[in-house]
Amino acid sequence: MKQIFLCMAIASLSLHATRTPHRGIKNQLPRLVVTSSDDPNHTYTLTDNNLRPTPLFSIFDYEHFMEHLLPTDAITSINGNGAHIKTAELNEQISTLLQEINQQKKLYSYFIILKNSGFVRHKKSGLLIVKFKHYPIVLKLFIEPAKSFVNPYDKGFEAANIFVMGGAIRHTLGFTRIKTLDYVRTKAKNDSYWRTNLTTPRKWFWLPQNPIWLEITTYNIGKKPVDHIRLPAIYGVIADALEQDLTHTPDHSTIMFFSKFLEHRIDPNTHNFFIDKSKGKLALIDTELFPLIAGFNKQIRPHHTHVKWYTYVAGHYLQKKIFTYKKQRQMQLHDLNNYYL
């Protein structure tokens, strides 16, 4: 992913250096007006040509989200000892985590930080990835106040370039993880090789007891001149913490073979894979729908090596951002067709 973003950053400099002919008429530009259910009197606005309709309208599925929430009683530990982990204990520790985030603490009582490069601690927003200290469980916590939702450029290099590349605000992409995981499992189950050579963690959504909702009004995006979306301001994706076999690493060609098998729904970044210690199988741990990250609406051409893959994706970015006519850009604002959804 970093290789792709490097190419994007170079192109972005050329786009922002001078006034671009792709800039639209102000009242025709795509725009979001956002409020939150806990503070409906304050509104925040984002007007940006990078916005795209698919990440806004086609990702969050309320019924699917609620059906895949963490069970209300308990889950079975993956350690194989038959132990049960009570949901009430997980909820209590996550609530403590949210309190410590509000206090802008750098370390957390019940969690080990795995990744916080996309989290802005003093603004209490972004994506924070942590592991429970006492349970084999990982939490990917998404936090976006209304004020932060309309500023997709302030959560680090990766989140900013995801928005530039595919028009997706980072907060929305977590909603793709479980549907993509279900697709991967079904596809692998029906394949003679992957059904015995792939393992994946279980995943659930998590929602606070009294959730805050973002009320989003869109203008000049999608099928309607004005539309409305409702998303949780705080939610999580909870997953089993599979144990990595540090003595073995997956072969790059195997990872690319698997990504091609899934029509590149999964990013073949080597950090998304490892060899599971207990099963000796290839473990896939990140199931975000990659085509939405990269702004692919049509089927991606198959690739066999990482070099060709990164070159192809970077070229796609440059074509979208520099070599696309104004009329095509306007059409993109209303195109909800996507091969991968």
C-alpha atoms as a PDB file:
ATOM      1  CA  MET A   1       0.000   0.000   0.000  1.00  0.00           C
ATOM      2  CA  LYS A   2       2.813   2.431   0.832  1.00  0.00           C
ATOM      3  CA  GLN A   3       4.317   1.927  -2.631  1.00  0.00           C
ATOM      4  CA  ILE A   4       1.010   2.934  -4.193  1.00  0.00           C
ATOM      5  CA  PHE A   5       0.651   5.955  -1.926  1.00  0.00           C
ATOM      6  CA  LEU A   6       4.134   7.191  -2.845  1.00  0.00           C
ATOM      7  CA  CYS A   7       3.114   7.403  -6.495  1.00  0.00           C
ATOM      8  CA  MET A   8      -0.115   9.089  -5.483  1.00  0.00           C
ATOM      9  CA  ALA A   9       1.664  11.684  -3.385  1.00  0.00           C
ATOM     10  CA  ILE A  10       3.839  12.724  -6.335  1.00  0.00           C
ATOM     11  CA  ALA A  11       0.772  13.109  -8.523  1.00  0.00           C
ATOM     12  CA  SER A  12      -1.077  15.013  -5.799  1.00  0.00           C
ATOM     13  CA  LEU A  13       1.644  17.677  -5.744  1.00  0.00           C
ATOM     14  CA  SER A  14       0.997  18.413  -9.389  1.00  0.00           C
ATOM     15  CA  LEU A  15      -2.748  18.582  -8.797  1.00  0.00           C
ATOM     16  CA  HIS A  16      -2.513  21.123  -5.991  1.00  0.00           C
ATOM     17  CA  ALA A  17       0.282  23.286  -7.341  1.00  0.00           C
ATOM     18  CA  THR A  18      -1.938  25.475  -9.527  1.00  0.00           C
ATOM     19  CA  ARG A  19      -5.601  25.954 -10.342  1.00  0.00           C
ATOM     20  CA  THR A  20      -6.711  22.868 -12.234  1.00  0.00           C
ATOM     21  CA  PRO A  21      -9.075  22.784 -15.226  1.00  0.00           C
ATOM     22  CA  HIS A  22     -10.915  19.935 -13.488  1.00  0.00           C
ATOM     23  CA  ARG A  23     -12.264  22.306 -10.816  1.00  0.00           C
ATOM     24  CA  GLY A  24     -16.043  22.571 -11.061  1.00  0.00           C
ATOM     25  CA  ILE A  25     -18.629  25.296 -10.592  1.00  0.00           C
ATOM     26  CA  LYS A  26     -19.150  25.826  -6.871  1.00  0.00           C
ATOM     27  CA  ASN A  27     -22.883  25.081  -6.685  1.00  0.00           C
ATOM     28  CA  GLN A  28     -22.372  21.891  -8.732  1.00  0.00           C
ATOM     29  CA  LEU A  29     -19.595  20.468  -6.597  1.00  0.00           C
ATOM     30  CA  PRO A  30     -20.236  17.372  -4.448  1.00  0.00           C
ATOM     31  CA  ARG A  31     -20.953  18.396  -0.866  1.00  0.00           C
ATOM     32  CA  LEU A  32     -21.694  16.834   2.512  1.00  0.00           C
ATOM     33  CA  VAL A  33     -23.408  18.530   5.432  1.00  0.00           C
ATOM     34  CA  VAL A  34     -22.972  16.552   8.648  1.00  0.00           C
ATOM     35  CA  THR A  35     -24.491  16.730  12.131  1.00  0.00           C
ATOM     36  CA  SER A  36     -24.398  14.229  14.987  1.00  0.00           C
ATOM     37  CA  SER A  37     -27.302  12.940  17.032  1.00  0.00           C
ATOM     38  CA  ASP A  38     -25.717  14.187  20.271  1.00  0.00           C
ATOM     39  CA  ASP A  39     -25.254  17.738  18.932  1.00  0.00           C
ATOM     40  CA  PRO A  40     -27.817  18.405  16.178  1.00  0.00           C
ATOM     41  CA  ASN A  41     -27.438  22.193  16.320  1.00  0.00           C
ATOM     42  CA  HIS A  42     -23.919  22.224  14.889  1.00  0.00           C
ATOM     43  CA  THR A  43     -23.367  21.427  11.206  1.00  0.00           C
ATOM     44  CA  TYR A  44     -20.131  20.766   9.344  1.00  0.00           C
ATOM     45  CA  THR A  45     -19.553  20.836   5.592  1.00  0.00           C
ATOM     46  CA  LEU A  46     -17.201  19.132   3.171  1.00  0.00           C
ATOM     47  CA  THR A  47     -17.074  20.276  -0.453  1.00  0.00           C
ATOM     48  CA  ASP A  48     -14.583  18.207  -2.422  1.00  0.00           C
ATOM     49  CA  ASN A  49     -14.286  16.806  -5.948  1.00  0.00           C
ATOM     50  CA  ASN A  50     -12.729  13.626  -4.582  1.00  0.00           C
ATOM     51  CA  LEU A  51     -16.036  12.505  -3.069  1.00  0.00           C
ATOM     52  CA  ARG A  52     -17.601   9.466  -4.718  1.00  0.00           C
ATOM     53  CA  PRO A  53     -21.121   8.014  -4.289  1.00  0.00           C
ATOM     54  CA  THR A  54     -20.322   4.306  -3.853  1.00  0.00           C
ATOM     55  CA  PRO A  55     -18.392   4.592  -0.543  1.00  0.00           C
ATOM     56  CA  LEU A  56     -21.188   6.773   0.839  1.00  0.00           C
ATOM     57  CA  PHE A  57     -24.343   5.038  -0.371  1.00  0.00           C
ATOM     58  CA  SER A  58     -23.428   1.402  -1.020  1.00  0.00           C
ATOM     59  CA  ILE A  59     -21.283   0.269   1.924  1.00  0.00           C
ATOM     60  CA  PHE A  60     -23.246   0.672   5.146  1.00  0.00           C
ATOM     61  CA  ASP A  61     -26.012  -1.908   5.365  1.00  0.00           C
ATOM     62  CA  TYR A  62     -27.901  -1.303   8.619  1.00  0.00           C
ATOM     63  CA  GLU A  63     -29.623  -4.702   8.751  1.00  0.00           C
ATOM     64  CA  HIS A  64     -26.408  -6.586   7.964  1.00  0.00           C
ATOM     65  CA  PHE A  65     -24.521  -4.491  10.522  1.00  0.00           C
ATOM     66  CA  MET A  66     -27.003  -5.224  13.305  1.00  0.00           C
ATOM     67  CA  GLU A  67     -27.193  -8.942  12.420  1.00  0.00           C
ATOM     68  CA  HIS A  68     -23.409  -9.237  12.766  1.00  0.00           C
ATOM     69  CA  LEU A  69     -22.989  -7.452  16.078  1.00  0.00           C
ATOM     70  CA  LEU A  70     -20.964  -9.166  18.790  1.00  0.00           C
ATOM     71  CA  PRO A  71     -23.204 -11.757  20.506  1.00  0.00           C
ATOM     72  CA  THR A  72     -24.920 -10.398  23.588  1.00  0.00           C
ATOM     73  CA  ASP A  73     -23.812 -13.231  25.898  1.00  0.00           C
ATOM     74  CA  ALA A  74     -20.353 -14.612  25.073  1.00  0.00           C
ATOM     75  CA  ILE A  75     -17.997 -15.927  22.428  1.00  0.00           C
ATOM     76  CA  THR A  76     -15.761 -19.012  22.498  1.00  0.00           C
ATOM     77  CA  SER A  77     -12.033 -18.398  22.830  1.00  0.00           C
ATOM     78  CA  ILE A  78      -9.909 -19.522  19.873  1.00  0.00           C
ATOM     79  CA  ASN A  79      -7.272 -20.935  22.250  1.00  0.00           C
ATOM     80  CA  GLY A  80      -8.932 -24.328  21.967  1.00  0.00           C
ATOM     81  CA  ASN A  81      -9.607 -24.758  25.689  1.00  0.00           C
ATOM     82  CA  GLY A  82     -13.369 -24.310  25.368  1.00  0.00           C
ATOM     83  CA  ALA A  83     -13.347 -21.171  27.489  1.00  0.00           C
ATOM     84  CA  HIS A  84     -15.983 -18.518  26.937  1.00  0.00           C
ATOM     85  CA  ILE A  85     -15.332 -14.783  26.882  1.00  0.00           C
ATOM     86  CA  LYS A  86     -18.234 -12.783  28.267  1.00  0.00           C
ATOM     87  CA  THR A  87     -19.456  -9.967  26.065  1.00  0.00           C
ATOM     88  CA  ALA A  88     -20.173  -7.847  29.148  1.00  0.00           C
ATOM     89  CA  GLU A  89     -16.464  -7.919  30.049  1.00  0.00           C
ATOM     90  CA  LEU A  90     -15.445  -6.906  26.524  1.00  0.00           C
ATOM     91  CA  ASN A  91     -17.993  -4.075  26.530  1.00  0.00           C
ATOM     92  CA  GLU A  92     -16.744  -2.820  29.895  1.00  0.00           C
ATOM     93  CA  GLN A  93     -13.134  -2.756  28.749  1.00  0.00           C
ATOM     94  CA  ILE A  94     -13.976  -1.019  25.469  1.00  0.00           C
ATOM     95  CA  SER A  95     -15.977   1.576  27.417  1.00  0.00           C
ATOM     96  CA  THR A  96     -12.902   2.185  29.567  1.00  0.00           C
ATOM     97  CA  LEU A  97     -10.851   2.544  26.388  1.00  0.00           C
ATOM     98  CA  LEU A  98     -13.234   5.231  25.089  1.00  0.00           C
ATOM     99  CA  GLN A  99     -12.938   7.092  28.395  1.00  0.00           C
ATOM    100  CA  GLU A 100      -9.146   6.971  28.195  1.00  0.00           C
ATOM    101  CA  ILE A 101      -9.281   8.206  24.594  1.00  0.00           C
ATOM    102  CA  ASN A 102     -11.377  11.166  25.754  1.00  0.00           C
ATOM    103  CA  GLN A 103      -8.688  11.818  28.356  1.00  0.00           C
ATOM    104  CA  GLN A 104      -6.086  11.732  25.551  1.00  0.00           C
ATOM    105  CA  LYS A 105      -4.070   9.015  27.256  1.00  0.00           C
ATOM    106  CA  LYS A 106      -1.180   7.496  25.336  1.00  0.00           C
ATOM    107  CA  LEU A 107      -1.455   4.041  26.919  1.00  0.00           C
ATOM    108  CA  TYR A 108      -4.571   2.047  27.756  1.00  0.00           C
ATOM    109  CA  SER A 109      -5.481  -0.116  30.744  1.00  0.00           C
ATOM    110  CA  TYR A 110      -6.800  -3.169  28.906  1.00  0.00           C
ATOM    111  CA  PHE A 111      -5.264  -2.860  25.438  1.00  0.00           C
ATOM    112  CA  ILE A 112      -1.967  -3.037  23.566  1.00  0.00           C
ATOM    113  CA  ILE A 113      -1.693  -0.631  20.632  1.00  0.00           C
ATOM    114  CA  LEU A 114      -1.035  -2.413  17.327  1.00  0.00           C
ATOM    115  CA  LYS A 115      -1.469   0.548  14.982  1.00  0.00           C
ATOM    116  CA  ASN A 116      -2.374   4.182  15.613  1.00  0.00           C
ATOM    117  CA  SER A 117      -0.932   5.941  12.550  1.00  0.00           C
ATOM    118  CA  GLY A 118      -4.456   6.756  11.354  1.00  0.00           C
ATOM    119  CA  PHE A 119      -5.642   7.979  14.752  1.00  0.00           C
ATOM    120  CA  VAL A 120      -5.464  11.640  15.832  1.00  0.00           C
ATOM    121  CA  ARG A 121      -5.227  11.480  19.602  1.00  0.00           C
ATOM    122  CA  HIS A 122      -5.833  15.164  20.396  1.00  0.00           C
ATOM    123  CA  LYS A 123      -8.892  15.204  18.105  1.00  0.00           C
ATOM    124  CA  LYS A 124     -10.114  11.783  19.307  1.00  0.00           C
ATOM    125  CA  SER A 125     -10.797  10.594  15.792  1.00  0.00           C
ATOM    126  CA  GLY A 126      -9.644   8.097  13.196  1.00  0.00           C
ATOM    127  CA  LEU A 127      -8.832   4.384  13.223  1.00  0.00           C
ATOM    128  CA  LEU A 128      -7.174   2.801  16.254  1.00  0.00           C
ATOM    129  CA  ILE A 129      -6.151  -0.873  16.168  1.00  0.00           C
ATOM    130  CA  VAL A 130      -5.551  -2.530  19.541  1.00  0.00           C
ATOM    131  CA  LYS A 131      -5.359  -6.009  21.082  1.00  0.00           C
ATOM    132  CA  PHE A 132      -7.001  -6.980  24.355  1.00  0.00           C
ATOM    133  CA  LYS A 133      -4.345  -7.704  26.968  1.00  0.00           C
ATOM    134  CA  HIS A 134      -6.247 -10.618  28.510  1.00  0.00           C
ATOM    135  CA  TYR A 135      -8.069 -12.078  25.496  1.00  0.00           C
ATOM    136  CA  PRO A 136      -6.950 -13.313  22.038  1.00  0.00           C
ATOM    137  CA  ILE A 137      -9.013 -10.609  20.372  1.00  0.00           C
ATOM    138  CA  VAL A 138      -8.203  -7.587  18.221  1.00  0.00           C
ATOM    139  CA  LEU A 139     -10.354  -4.444  18.118  1.00  0.00           C
ATOM    140  CA  LYS A 140     -10.362  -2.042  15.189  1.00  0.00           C
ATOM    141  CA  LEU A 141     -12.053   1.043  16.589  1.00  0.00           C
ATOM    142  CA  PHE A 142     -13.458   3.680  14.241  1.00  0.00           C
ATOM    143  CA  ILE A 143     -14.239   7.106  15.725  1.00  0.00           C
ATOM    144  CA  GLU A 144     -15.500  10.054  13.663  1.00  0.00           C
ATOM    145  CA  PRO A 145     -17.198  13.069  15.255  1.00  0.00           C
ATOM    146  CA  ALA A 146     -19.146  15.157  12.743  1.00  0.00           C
ATOM    147  CA  LYS A 147     -16.442  17.829  12.748  1.00  0.00           C
ATOM    148  CA  SER A 148     -13.779  15.258  11.930  1.00  0.00           C
ATOM    149  CA  PHE A 149     -15.828  13.388   9.328  1.00  0.00           C
ATOM    150  CA  VAL A 150     -15.682  16.396   6.991  1.00  0.00           C
ATOM    151  CA  ASN A 151     -11.879  16.568   7.185  1.00  0.00           C
ATOM    152  CA  PRO A 152     -10.534  13.402   5.544  1.00  0.00           C
ATOM    153  CA  TYR A 153      -7.025  14.873   5.182  1.00  0.00           C
ATOM    154  CA  ASP A 154      -6.022  15.147   8.860  1.00  0.00           C
ATOM    155  CA  LYS A 155      -5.685  11.472   9.843  1.00  0.00           C
ATOM    156  CA  GLY A 156      -2.340  10.653   8.365  1.00  0.00           C
ATOM    157  CA  PHE A 157      -0.824   9.881   4.999  1.00  0.00           C
ATOM    158  CA  GLU A 158      -2.703   6.632   4.417  1.00  0.00           C
ATOM    159  CA  ALA A 159      -6.214   7.903   5.222  1.00  0.00           C
ATOM    160  CA  ALA A 160      -5.717  11.066   3.166  1.00  0.00           C
ATOM    161  CA  ASN A 161      -4.559   9.147   0.117  1.00  0.00           C
ATOM    162  CA  ILE A 162      -7.389   6.624   0.416  1.00  0.00           C
ATOM    163  CA  PHE A 163      -9.748   9.580   0.062  1.00  0.00           C
ATOM    164  CA  VAL A 164      -7.816  11.033  -2.868  1.00  0.00           C
ATOM    165  CA  MET A 165      -7.560   7.676  -4.645  1.00  0.00           C
ATOM    166  CA  GLY A 166     -11.093   6.301  -4.272  1.00  0.00           C
ATOM    167  CA  GLY A 167     -13.209   9.046  -2.726  1.00  0.00           C
ATOM    168  CA  ALA A 168     -13.765   6.942   0.396  1.00  0.00           C
ATOM    169  CA  ILE A 169     -13.718   8.490   3.842  1.00  0.00           C
ATOM    170  CA  ARG A 170     -11.729   6.019   5.965  1.00  0.00           C
ATOM    171  CA  HIS A 171     -14.498   5.661   8.523  1.00  0.00           C
ATOM    172  CA  THR A 172     -16.835   3.987   6.012  1.00  0.00           C
ATOM    173  CA  LEU A 173     -14.469   1.272   4.789  1.00  0.00           C
ATOM    174  CA  GLY A 174     -14.690  -0.783   7.968  1.00  0.00           C
ATOM    175  CA  PHE A 175     -18.247  -1.686   7.024  1.00  0.00           C
ATOM    176  CA  THR A 176     -16.897  -3.803   4.125  1.00  0.00           C
ATOM    177  CA  ARG A 177     -14.846  -6.154   6.291  1.00  0.00           C
ATOM    178  CA  ILE A 178     -17.432  -8.761   7.266  1.00  0.00           C
ATOM    179  CA  LYS A 179     -19.213  -9.003   3.906  1.00  0.00           C
ATOM    180  CA  THR A 180     -15.844  -9.424   2.212  1.00  0.00           C
ATOM    181  CA  LEU A 181     -14.835 -12.045   4.795  1.00  0.00           C
ATOM    182  CA  ASP A 182     -18.036 -13.975   4.069  1.00  0.00           C
ATOM    183  CA  TYR A 183     -17.283 -13.814   0.342  1.00  0.00           C
ATOM    184  CA  VAL A 184     -13.722 -15.060   0.891  1.00  0.00           C
ATOM    185  CA  ARG A 185     -14.868 -17.971   3.035  1.00  0.00           C
ATOM    186  CA  THR A 186     -17.545 -19.049   0.564  1.00  0.00           C
ATOM    187  CA  LYS A 187     -15.160 -18.782  -2.367  1.00  0.00           C
ATOM    188  CA  ALA A 188     -12.419 -20.720  -0.553  1.00  0.00           C
ATOM    189  CA  LYS A 189     -14.843 -23.406   0.670  1.00  0.00           C
ATOM    190  CA  ASN A 190     -15.743 -24.221  -2.933  1.00  0.00           C
ATOM    191  CA  ASP A 191     -12.114 -24.490  -4.068  1.00  0.00           C
ATOM    192  CA  SER A 192     -10.176 -27.732  -3.657  1.00  0.00           C
ATOM    193  CA  TYR A 193      -6.904 -25.977  -2.770  1.00  0.00           C
ATOM    194  CA  TRP A 194      -7.958 -23.023  -0.630  1.00  0.00           C
ATOM    195  CA  ARG A 195     -10.480 -24.922   1.490  1.00  0.00           C
ATOM    196  CA  THR A 196      -7.548 -26.718   3.162  1.00  0.00           C
ATOM    197  CA  ASN A 197      -4.839 -24.049   2.891  1.00  0.00           C
ATOM    198  CA  LEU A 198      -6.520 -20.861   4.152  1.00  0.00           C
ATOM    199  CA  THR A 199      -7.654 -19.702   7.572  1.00  0.00           C
ATOM    200  CA  THR A 200      -9.435 -16.512   8.596  1.00  0.00           C
ATOM    201  CA  PRO A 201     -10.415 -14.992  11.937  1.00  0.00           C
ATOM    202  CA  ARG A 202     -14.004 -14.664  13.057  1.00  0.00           C
ATOM    203  CA  LYS A 203     -15.271 -11.079  12.959  1.00  0.00           C
ATOM    204  CA  TRP A 204     -18.122  -9.122  14.505  1.00  0.00           C
ATOM    205  CA  PHE A 205     -19.217  -5.510  14.568  1.00  0.00           C
ATOM    206  CA  TRP A 206     -19.336  -3.643  17.870  1.00  0.00           C
ATOM    207  CA  LEU A 207     -21.524  -0.679  18.774  1.00  0.00           C
ATOM    208  CA  PRO A 208     -21.610   1.361  22.014  1.00  0.00           C
ATOM    209  CA  GLN A 209     -24.623   0.907  24.265  1.00  0.00           C
ATOM    210  CA  ASN A 210     -25.884   4.417  23.462  1.00  0.00           C
ATOM    211  CA  PRO A 211     -24.527   5.011  19.961  1.00  0.00           C
ATOM    212  CA  ILE A 212     -24.057   8.425  18.394  1.00  0.00           C
ATOM    213  CA  TRP A 213     -25.236   8.669  14.787  1.00  0.00           C
ATOM    214  CA  LEU A 214     -23.900  10.882  12.025  1.00  0.00           C
ATOM    215  CA  GLU A 215     -26.703  12.470  10.011  1.00  0.00           C
ATOM    216  CA  ILE A 216     -25.271  13.195   6.550  1.00  0.00           C
ATOM    217  CA  THR A 217     -27.007  15.197   3.834  1.00  0.00           C
ATOM    218  CA  THR A 218     -25.414  14.892   0.388  1.00  0.00           C
ATOM    219  CA  TYR A 219     -25.629  17.317  -2.515  1.00  0.00           C
ATOM    220  CA  ASN A 220     -24.726  16.598  -6.153  1.00  0.00           C
ATOM    221  CA  ILE A 221     -23.686  13.018  -5.360  1.00  0.00           C
ATOM    222  CA  GLY A 222     -25.420   9.812  -6.395  1.00  0.00           C
ATOM    223  CA  LYS A 223     -28.800   9.491  -8.078  1.00  0.00           C
ATOM    224  CA  LYS A 224     -30.545  12.350  -6.267  1.00  0.00           C
ATOM    225  CA  PRO A 225     -29.615  16.051  -6.104  1.00  0.00           C
ATOM    226  CA  VAL A 226     -30.121  15.842  -2.333  1.00  0.00           C
ATOM    227  CA  ASP A 227     -29.962  12.631  -0.307  1.00  0.00           C
ATOM    228  CA  HIS A 228     -29.498  11.477   3.274  1.00  0.00           C
ATOM    229  CA  ILE A 229     -27.264   8.881   4.969  1.00  0.00           C
ATOM    230  CA  ARG A 230     -27.039   7.753   8.602  1.00  0.00           C
ATOM    231  CA  LEU A 231     -23.863   6.146   9.986  1.00  0.00           C
ATOM    232  CA  PRO A 232     -22.597   5.281  13.484  1.00  0.00           C
ATOM    233  CA  ALA A 233     -20.013   7.819  14.666  1.00  0.00           C
ATOM    234  CA  ILE A 234     -18.280   5.178  16.784  1.00  0.00           C
ATOM    235  CA  TYR A 235     -18.154   1.480  15.959  1.00  0.00           C
ATOM    236  CA  GLY A 236     -15.697  -1.364  16.026  1.00  0.00           C
ATOM    237  CA  VAL A 237     -14.705  -4.534  14.220  1.00  0.00           C
ATOM    238  CA  ILE A 238     -13.756  -7.302  16.638  1.00  0.00           C
ATOM    239  CA  ALA A 239     -11.710 -10.249  15.370  1.00  0.00           C
ATOM    240  CA  ASP A 240      -9.837 -13.286  16.622  1.00  0.00           C
ATOM    241  CA  ALA A 241      -6.152 -12.579  17.173  1.00  0.00           C
ATOM    242  CA  LEU A 242      -4.532 -15.406  15.218  1.00  0.00           C
ATOM    243  CA  GLU A 243      -0.993 -16.270  16.278  1.00  0.00           C
ATOM    244  CA  GLN A 244       1.729 -15.808  13.677  1.00  0.00           C
ATOM    245  CA  ASP A 245       4.367 -18.457  12.972  1.00  0.00           C
ATOM    246  CA  LEU A 246       7.529 -16.353  13.104  1.00  0.00           C
ATOM    247  CA  THR A 247       9.655 -19.135  11.600  1.00  0.00           C
ATOM    248  CA  HIS A 248       7.791 -19.191   8.296  1.00  0.00           C
ATOM    249  CA  THR A 249       6.608 -16.467   5.931  1.00  0.00           C
ATOM    250  CA  PRO A 250       4.112 -16.816   3.082  1.00  0.00           C
ATOM    251  CA  ASP A 251       5.511 -16.800  -0.417  1.00  0.00           C
ATOM    252  CA  HIS A 252       4.808 -13.616  -2.399  1.00  0.00           C
ATOM    253  CA  SER A 253       3.642 -15.593  -5.399  1.00  0.00           C
ATOM    254  CA  THR A 254       1.137 -17.474  -3.223  1.00  0.00           C
ATOM    255  CA  ILE A 255      -0.298 -14.194  -1.959  1.00  0.00           C
ATOM    256  CA  MET A 256      -0.663 -12.848  -5.489  1.00  0.00           C
ATOM    257  CA  PHE A 257      -2.207 -16.148  -6.600  1.00  0.00           C
ATOM    258  CA  PHE A 258      -4.768 -15.838  -3.818  1.00  0.00           C
ATOM    259  CA  SER A 259      -5.528 -12.180  -4.597  1.00  0.00           C
ATOM    260  CA  LYS A 260      -6.050 -13.071  -8.256  1.00  0.00           C
ATOM    261  CA  PHE A 261      -8.301 -15.962  -7.178  1.00  0.00           C
ATOM    262  CA  LEU A 262     -10.507 -13.350  -5.446  1.00  0.00           C
ATOM    263  CA  GLU A 263     -10.382 -11.009  -8.476  1.00  0.00           C
ATOM    264  CA  HIS A 264      -8.225  -8.696  -6.340  1.00  0.00           C
ATOM    265  CA  ARG A 265     -10.937  -7.999  -3.777  1.00  0.00           C
ATOM    266  CA  ILE A 266      -8.157  -8.316  -1.197  1.00  0.00           C
ATOM    267  CA  ASP A 267      -5.044  -6.147  -1.201  1.00  0.00           C
ATOM    268  CA  PRO A 268      -2.043  -8.488  -1.737  1.00  0.00           C
ATOM    269  CA  ASN A 269       0.028  -6.417   0.684  1.00  0.00           C
ATOM    270  CA  THR A 270       2.234  -8.912   2.531  1.00  0.00           C
ATOM    271  CA  HIS A 271       1.305  -7.295   5.881  1.00  0.00           C
ATOM    272  CA  ASN A 272      -2.237  -8.633   5.439  1.00  0.00           C
ATOM    273  CA  PHE A 273      -1.034 -12.242   5.510  1.00  0.00           C
ATOM    274  CA  PHE A 274       1.043 -14.597   7.636  1.00  0.00           C
ATOM    275  CA  ILE A 275       1.333 -18.302   8.408  1.00  0.00           C
ATOM    276  CA  ASP A 276      -0.964 -19.300  11.267  1.00  0.00           C
ATOM    277  CA  LYS A 277       1.061 -21.000  13.998  1.00  0.00           C
ATOM    278  CA  SER A 278      -1.563 -23.472  15.138  1.00  0.00           C
ATOM    279  CA  LYS A 279      -2.759 -24.599  11.697  1.00  0.00           C
ATOM    280  CA  GLY A 280       0.219 -23.963   9.421  1.00  0.00           C
ATOM    281  CA  LYS A 281      -2.103 -22.345   6.880  1.00  0.00           C
ATOM    282  CA  LEU A 282      -2.042 -18.991   5.108  1.00  0.00           C
ATOM    283  CA  ALA A 283      -3.908 -16.550   7.347  1.00  0.00           C
ATOM    284  CA  LEU A 284      -5.738 -13.565   5.914  1.00  0.00           C
ATOM    285  CA  ILE A 285      -6.334 -10.927   8.591  1.00  0.00           C
ATOM    286  CA  ASP A 286      -7.433  -7.803   6.693  1.00  0.00           C
ATOM    287  CA  THR A 287     -10.646  -8.064   4.685  1.00  0.00           C
ATOM    288  CA  GLU A 288     -11.355  -4.497   3.621  1.00  0.00           C
ATOM    289  CA  LEU A 289     -12.723  -4.429   0.081  1.00  0.00           C
ATOM    290  CA  PHE A 290      -9.652  -3.159  -1.783  1.00  0.00           C
ATOM    291  CA  PRO A 291     -11.343  -1.970  -5.014  1.00  0.00           C
ATOM    292  CA  LEU A 292     -13.234   0.654  -2.983  1.00  0.00           C
ATOM    293  CA  ILE A 293      -9.982   1.850  -1.435  1.00  0.00           C
ATOM    294  CA  ALA A 294      -8.409   2.262  -4.860  1.00  0.00           C
ATOM    295  CA  GLY A 295     -11.485   3.577  -6.686  1.00  0.00           C
ATOM    296  CA  PHE A 296     -12.047   0.589  -8.974  1.00  0.00           C
ATOM    297  CA  ASN A 297     -15.654   0.294 -10.155  1.00  0.00           C
ATOM    298  CA  LYS A 298     -14.923  -2.200 -12.922  1.00  0.00           C
ATOM    299  CA  GLN A 299     -13.281  -5.602 -12.718  1.00  0.00           C
ATOM    300  CA  ILE A 300      -9.531  -5.381 -12.108  1.00  0.00           C
ATOM    301  CA  ARG A 301      -7.274  -7.009 -14.678  1.00  0.00           C
ATOM    302  CA  PRO A 302      -5.486 -10.079 -13.190  1.00  0.00           C
ATOM    303  CA  HIS A 303      -1.868  -9.618 -12.076  1.00  0.00           C
ATOM    304  CA  HIS A 304       0.771 -12.186 -11.158  1.00  0.00           C
ATOM    305  CA  THR A 305       3.515 -10.186  -9.394  1.00  0.00           C
ATOM    306  CA  HIS A 306       3.588  -7.426  -6.804  1.00  0.00           C
ATOM    307  CA  VAL A 307       5.642  -5.141  -9.056  1.00  0.00           C
ATOM    308  CA  LYS A 308       3.122  -5.329 -11.884  1.00  0.00           C
ATOM    309  CA  TRP A 309       0.286  -4.941  -9.385  1.00  0.00           C
ATOM    310  CA  TYR A 310       1.635  -1.758  -7.777  1.00  0.00           C
ATOM    311  CA  THR A 311       2.485  -0.314 -11.189  1.00  0.00           C
ATOM    312  CA  TYR A 312      -1.033  -1.014 -12.411  1.00  0.00           C
ATOM    313  CA  VAL A 313      -2.747   0.549  -9.384  1.00  0.00           C
ATOM    314  CA  ALA A 314      -0.507   3.625  -9.447  1.00  0.00           C
ATOM    315  CA  GLY A 315      -1.237   4.037 -13.155  1.00  0.00           C
ATOM    316  CA  HIS A 316      -4.957   3.772 -12.436  1.00  0.00           C
ATOM    317  CA  TYR A 317      -4.622   6.544  -9.861  1.00  0.00           C
ATOM    318  CA  LEU A 318      -2.792   8.844 -12.274  1.00  0.00           C
ATOM    319  CA  GLN A 319      -5.329   8.199 -15.009  1.00  0.00           C
ATOM    320  CA  LYS A 320      -8.227   8.993 -12.674  1.00  0.00           C
ATOM    321  CA  LYS A 321      -6.712  12.120 -11.190  1.00  0.00           C
ATOM    322  CA  ILE A 322      -4.908  13.716 -14.131  1.00  0.00           C
ATOM    323  CA  PHE A 323      -6.012  12.180 -17.416  1.00  0.00           C
ATOM    324  CA  THR A 324      -9.785  12.145 -16.938  1.00  0.00           C
ATOM    325  CA  TYR A 325     -11.969  14.657 -18.775  1.00  0.00           C
ATOM    326  CA  LYS A 326     -14.242  17.000 -16.858  1.00  0.00           C
ATOM    327  CA  LYS A 327     -17.393  15.347 -18.237  1.00  0.00           C
ATOM    328  CA  GLN A 328     -16.169  11.935 -17.073  1.00  0.00           C
ATOM    329  CA  ARG A 329     -15.498  13.356 -13.612  1.00  0.00           C
ATOM    330  CA  GLN A 330     -19.017  14.695 -13.426  1.00  0.00           C
ATOM    331  CA  MET A 331     -20.413  11.307 -14.457  1.00  0.00           C
ATOM    332  CA  GLN A 332     -18.397   9.619 -11.701  1.00  0.00           C
ATOM    333  CA  LEU A 333     -20.276  11.668  -9.110  1.00  0.00           C
ATOM    334  CA  HIS A 334     -23.502   9.882 -10.005  1.00  0.00           C
ATOM    335  CA  ASP A 335     -22.284   6.388 -10.940  1.00  0.00           C
ATOM    336  CA  LEU A 336     -23.219   3.804  -8.317  1.00  0.00           C
ATOM    337  CA  ASN A 337     -22.384   0.784 -10.473  1.00  0.00           C
ATOM    338  CA  ASN A 338     -19.622  -1.341  -9.013  1.00  0.00           C
ATOM    339  CA  TYR A 339     -18.522  -4.803 -10.099  1.00  0.00           C
ATOM    340  CA  TYR A 340     -17.458  -5.747  -6.562  1.00  0.00           C
ATOM    341  CA  LEU A 341     -20.679  -4.878  -4.728  1.00  0.00           C
END
